[in-house]
C-alpha atoms as a PDB file:
ATOM      1  CA  ASN A   1       9.491   5.574   7.271  1.00  0.00           C
ATOM      2  CA  SER A   2       8.897   5.801   3.577  1.00  0.00           C
ATOM      3  CA  PHE A   3       7.883   3.332   0.912  1.00  0.00           C
ATOM      4  CA  LYS A   4      10.861   4.405  -1.174  1.00  0.00           C
ATOM      5  CA  ARG A   5      13.352   3.684   1.610  1.00  0.00           C
ATOM      6  CA  PHE A   6      11.746   0.283   2.210  1.00  0.00           C
ATOM      7  CA  LEU A   7      11.724  -0.613  -1.494  1.00  0.00           C
ATOM      8  CA  GLU A   8      15.386   0.317  -1.882  1.00  0.00           C
ATOM      9  CA  SER A   9      16.446  -1.586   1.254  1.00  0.00           C
ATOM     10  CA  ASN A  10      17.459  -5.241   1.540  1.00  0.00           C
ATOM     11  CA  GLU A  11      14.715  -5.839   4.096  1.00  0.00           C
ATOM     12  CA  ASN A  12      11.740  -7.980   3.068  1.00  0.00           C
ATOM     13  CA  LYS A  13       9.475  -6.882   5.921  1.00  0.00           C
ATOM     14  CA  ILE A  14       9.239  -3.914   8.294  1.00  0.00           C
ATOM     15  CA  SER A  15       6.706  -2.782  10.899  1.00  0.00           C
ATOM     16  CA  TYR A  16       5.989   0.605  12.421  1.00  0.00           C
ATOM     17  CA  TYR A  17       3.124   2.545  14.013  1.00  0.00           C
ATOM     18  CA  SER A  18       1.089   5.195  12.251  1.00  0.00           C
ATOM     19  CA  TYR A  19      -1.694   7.406  13.596  1.00  0.00           C
ATOM     20  CA  LEU A  20      -4.886   7.998  11.605  1.00  0.00           C
ATOM     21  CA  SER A  21      -7.601  10.615  12.079  1.00  0.00           C
ATOM     22  CA  TYR A  22     -11.133  10.645  10.628  1.00  0.00           C
ATOM     23  CA  ASP A  23     -13.984  13.164  10.575  1.00  0.00           C
ATOM     24  CA  GLN A  24     -17.030  10.863  10.595  1.00  0.00           C
ATOM     25  CA  PRO A  25     -17.078   9.409  13.132  1.00  0.00           C
ATOM     26  CA  VAL A  26     -14.620  11.744  14.807  1.00  0.00           C
ATOM     27  CA  LEU A  27     -11.485   9.826  15.625  1.00  0.00           C
ATOM     28  CA  ARG A  28      -8.158  11.451  16.389  1.00  0.00           C
ATOM     29  CA  ASP A  29      -4.728   9.810  16.311  1.00  0.00           C
ATOM     30  CA  MET A  30      -5.922   6.192  16.162  1.00  0.00           C
ATOM     31  CA  PRO A  31      -2.777   4.058  16.535  1.00  0.00           C
ATOM     32  CA  THR A  32      -2.334   1.492  13.791  1.00  0.00           C
ATOM     33  CA  LYS A  33       0.383  -1.061  13.309  1.00  0.00           C
ATOM     34  CA  VAL A  34       1.624  -1.036   9.712  1.00  0.00           C
ATOM     35  CA  THR A  35       3.597  -3.947   8.281  1.00  0.00           C
ATOM     36  CA  LEU A  36       5.138  -3.685   4.815  1.00  0.00           C
ATOM     37  CA  LYS A  37       6.175  -6.879   3.074  1.00  0.00           C
ATOM     38  CA  LYS A  38       7.792  -7.439  -0.320  1.00  0.00           C
ATOM     39  CA  ILE A  39       5.900 -10.150  -2.194  1.00  0.00           C
ATOM     40  CA  GLY A  40       8.083 -10.365  -5.311  1.00  0.00           C
ATOM     41  CA  LYS A  41       7.978  -9.599  -9.029  1.00  0.00           C
ATOM     42  CA  GLU A  42       4.670  -9.898 -10.847  1.00  0.00           C
ATOM     43  CA  GLU A  43       3.698  -9.346 -14.454  1.00  0.00           C
ATOM     44  CA  VAL A  44       0.854  -6.829 -14.867  1.00  0.00           C
ATOM     45  CA  THR A  45      -1.004  -5.908 -18.055  1.00  0.00           C
ATOM     46  CA  ILE A  46      -2.226  -2.327 -18.418  1.00  0.00           C
ATOM     47  CA  LEU A  47      -3.894  -1.365 -21.724  1.00  0.00           C
ATOM     48  CA  ASP A  48      -2.479  -4.450 -23.452  1.00  0.00           C
ATOM     49  CA  LEU A  49       1.092  -3.636 -22.361  1.00  0.00           C
ATOM     50  CA  LYS A  50       2.930  -6.032 -20.060  1.00  0.00           C
ATOM     51  CA  TYR A  51       5.044  -4.735 -17.189  1.00  0.00           C
ATOM     52  CA  SER A  52       7.186  -6.454 -14.564  1.00  0.00           C
ATOM     53  CA  PHE A  53       6.492  -4.793 -11.227  1.00  0.00           C
ATOM     54  CA  LEU A  54       7.484  -5.400  -7.643  1.00  0.00           C
ATOM     55  CA  LYS A  55       4.375  -6.260  -5.637  1.00  0.00           C
ATOM     56  CA  PHE A  56       4.257  -5.374  -1.994  1.00  0.00           C
ATOM     57  CA  GLN A  57       1.724  -5.726   0.765  1.00  0.00           C
ATOM     58  CA  GLU A  58       0.756  -3.240   3.450  1.00  0.00           C
ATOM     59  CA  GLN A  59      -1.101  -4.668   6.444  1.00  0.00           C
ATOM     60  CA  ILE A  60      -2.790  -2.140   8.734  1.00  0.00           C
ATOM     61  CA  GLU A  61      -4.351  -3.160  12.023  1.00  0.00           C
ATOM     62  CA  ASN A  62      -5.924  -1.615  15.091  1.00  0.00           C
ATOM     63  CA  SER A  63      -6.807  -3.968  17.952  1.00  0.00           C
ATOM     64  CA  TYR A  64      -9.302  -1.555  19.578  1.00  0.00           C
ATOM     65  CA  LEU A  65     -11.563  -1.489  16.489  1.00  0.00           C
ATOM     66  CA  GLY A  66     -10.640  -5.008  15.446  1.00  0.00           C
ATOM     67  CA  TRP A  67      -9.666  -3.487  12.082  1.00  0.00           C
ATOM     68  CA  LYS A  68      -7.220  -5.438   9.965  1.00  0.00           C
ATOM     69  CA  ILE A  69      -6.852  -4.775   6.260  1.00  0.00           C
ATOM     70  CA  ILE A  70      -4.329  -5.619   3.581  1.00  0.00           C
ATOM     71  CA  ASN A  71      -3.432  -3.239   0.764  1.00  0.00           C
ATOM     72  CA  TYR A  72      -1.410  -4.147  -2.318  1.00  0.00           C
ATOM     73  CA  TYR A  73       0.840  -1.982  -4.485  1.00  0.00           C
ATOM     74  CA  TRP A  74       2.597  -2.708  -7.782  1.00  0.00           C
ATOM     75  CA  VAL A  75       5.753  -0.630  -8.164  1.00  0.00           C
ATOM     76  CA  ASP A  76       8.204  -0.088 -11.010  1.00  0.00           C
ATOM     77  CA  PRO A  77      11.570  -1.174  -9.529  1.00  0.00           C
ATOM     78  CA  GLU A  78      13.411   1.288 -11.796  1.00  0.00           C
ATOM     79  CA  ASP A  79      11.964   4.453 -10.248  1.00  0.00           C
ATOM     80  CA  ASN A  80       9.595   3.274  -7.446  1.00  0.00           C
ATOM     81  CA  PHE A  81       6.542   4.658  -9.259  1.00  0.00           C
ATOM     82  CA  ILE A  82       3.292   3.012  -8.077  1.00  0.00           C
ATOM     83  CA  TRP A  83       1.338   1.955 -11.180  1.00  0.00           C
ATOM     84  CA  LYS A  84      -1.437  -0.027  -9.533  1.00  0.00           C
ATOM     85  CA  SER A  85      -2.953  -0.481  -6.089  1.00  0.00           C
ATOM     86  CA  GLN A  86      -5.798  -2.087  -4.134  1.00  0.00           C
ATOM     87  CA  GLN A  87      -6.472  -0.138  -0.947  1.00  0.00           C
ATOM     88  CA  THR A  88      -8.839   0.302   1.945  1.00  0.00           C
ATOM     89  CA  ILE A  89      -8.353   3.679   3.613  1.00  0.00           C
ATOM     90  CA  SER A  90     -11.113   3.589   6.238  1.00  0.00           C
ATOM     91  CA  PRO A  91     -13.013   0.922   8.186  1.00  0.00           C
ATOM     92  CA  ILE A  92     -16.304   2.279   6.779  1.00  0.00           C
ATOM     93  CA  LEU A  93     -15.324   2.680   3.114  1.00  0.00           C
ATOM     94  CA  PRO A  94     -15.094  -0.089   0.510  1.00  0.00           C
ATOM     95  CA  LEU A  95     -11.917  -1.261  -1.172  1.00  0.00           C
ATOM     96  CA  PHE A  96     -10.834   0.823  -4.149  1.00  0.00           C
ATOM     97  CA  GLN A  97      -8.438   0.019  -6.964  1.00  0.00           C
ATOM     98  CA  TYR A  98      -6.530   2.121  -9.426  1.00  0.00           C
ATOM     99  CA  GLU A  99      -4.225   1.673 -12.396  1.00  0.00           C
ATOM    100  CA  ILE A 100      -2.168   4.389 -14.001  1.00  0.00           C
ATOM    101  CA  THR A 101      -2.390   4.126 -17.780  1.00  0.00           C
ATOM    102  CA  LYS A 102       0.199   6.809 -18.573  1.00  0.00           C
ATOM    103  CA  LYS A 103       2.990   7.921 -16.320  1.00  0.00           C
ATOM    104  CA  PRO A 104       2.943  11.683 -15.625  1.00  0.00           C
ATOM    105  CA  THR A 105       5.831  13.676 -17.070  1.00  0.00           C
END
């Protein structure tokens, strides 16, 4: 599965399994259920410029650890470039956020 394929599809929600590995603590191939869901268009301001992006949600869960997180991404519907996100990438790390202020050439 890819985000691009999902964004270009007519589906509003898909689920699949992904396997994560971590070094500390050592954890290999932890199964996680990933659910992607299109939320809709949202206006976002970056450096005083307004953009209309497609917002989507990524829910990741593992029943063994009791880990369930929700990540958000704001994507340009013209080229599927992710301009902004809020993500948790590990059960022991805090949420991080980023915004791209200038698209790479």
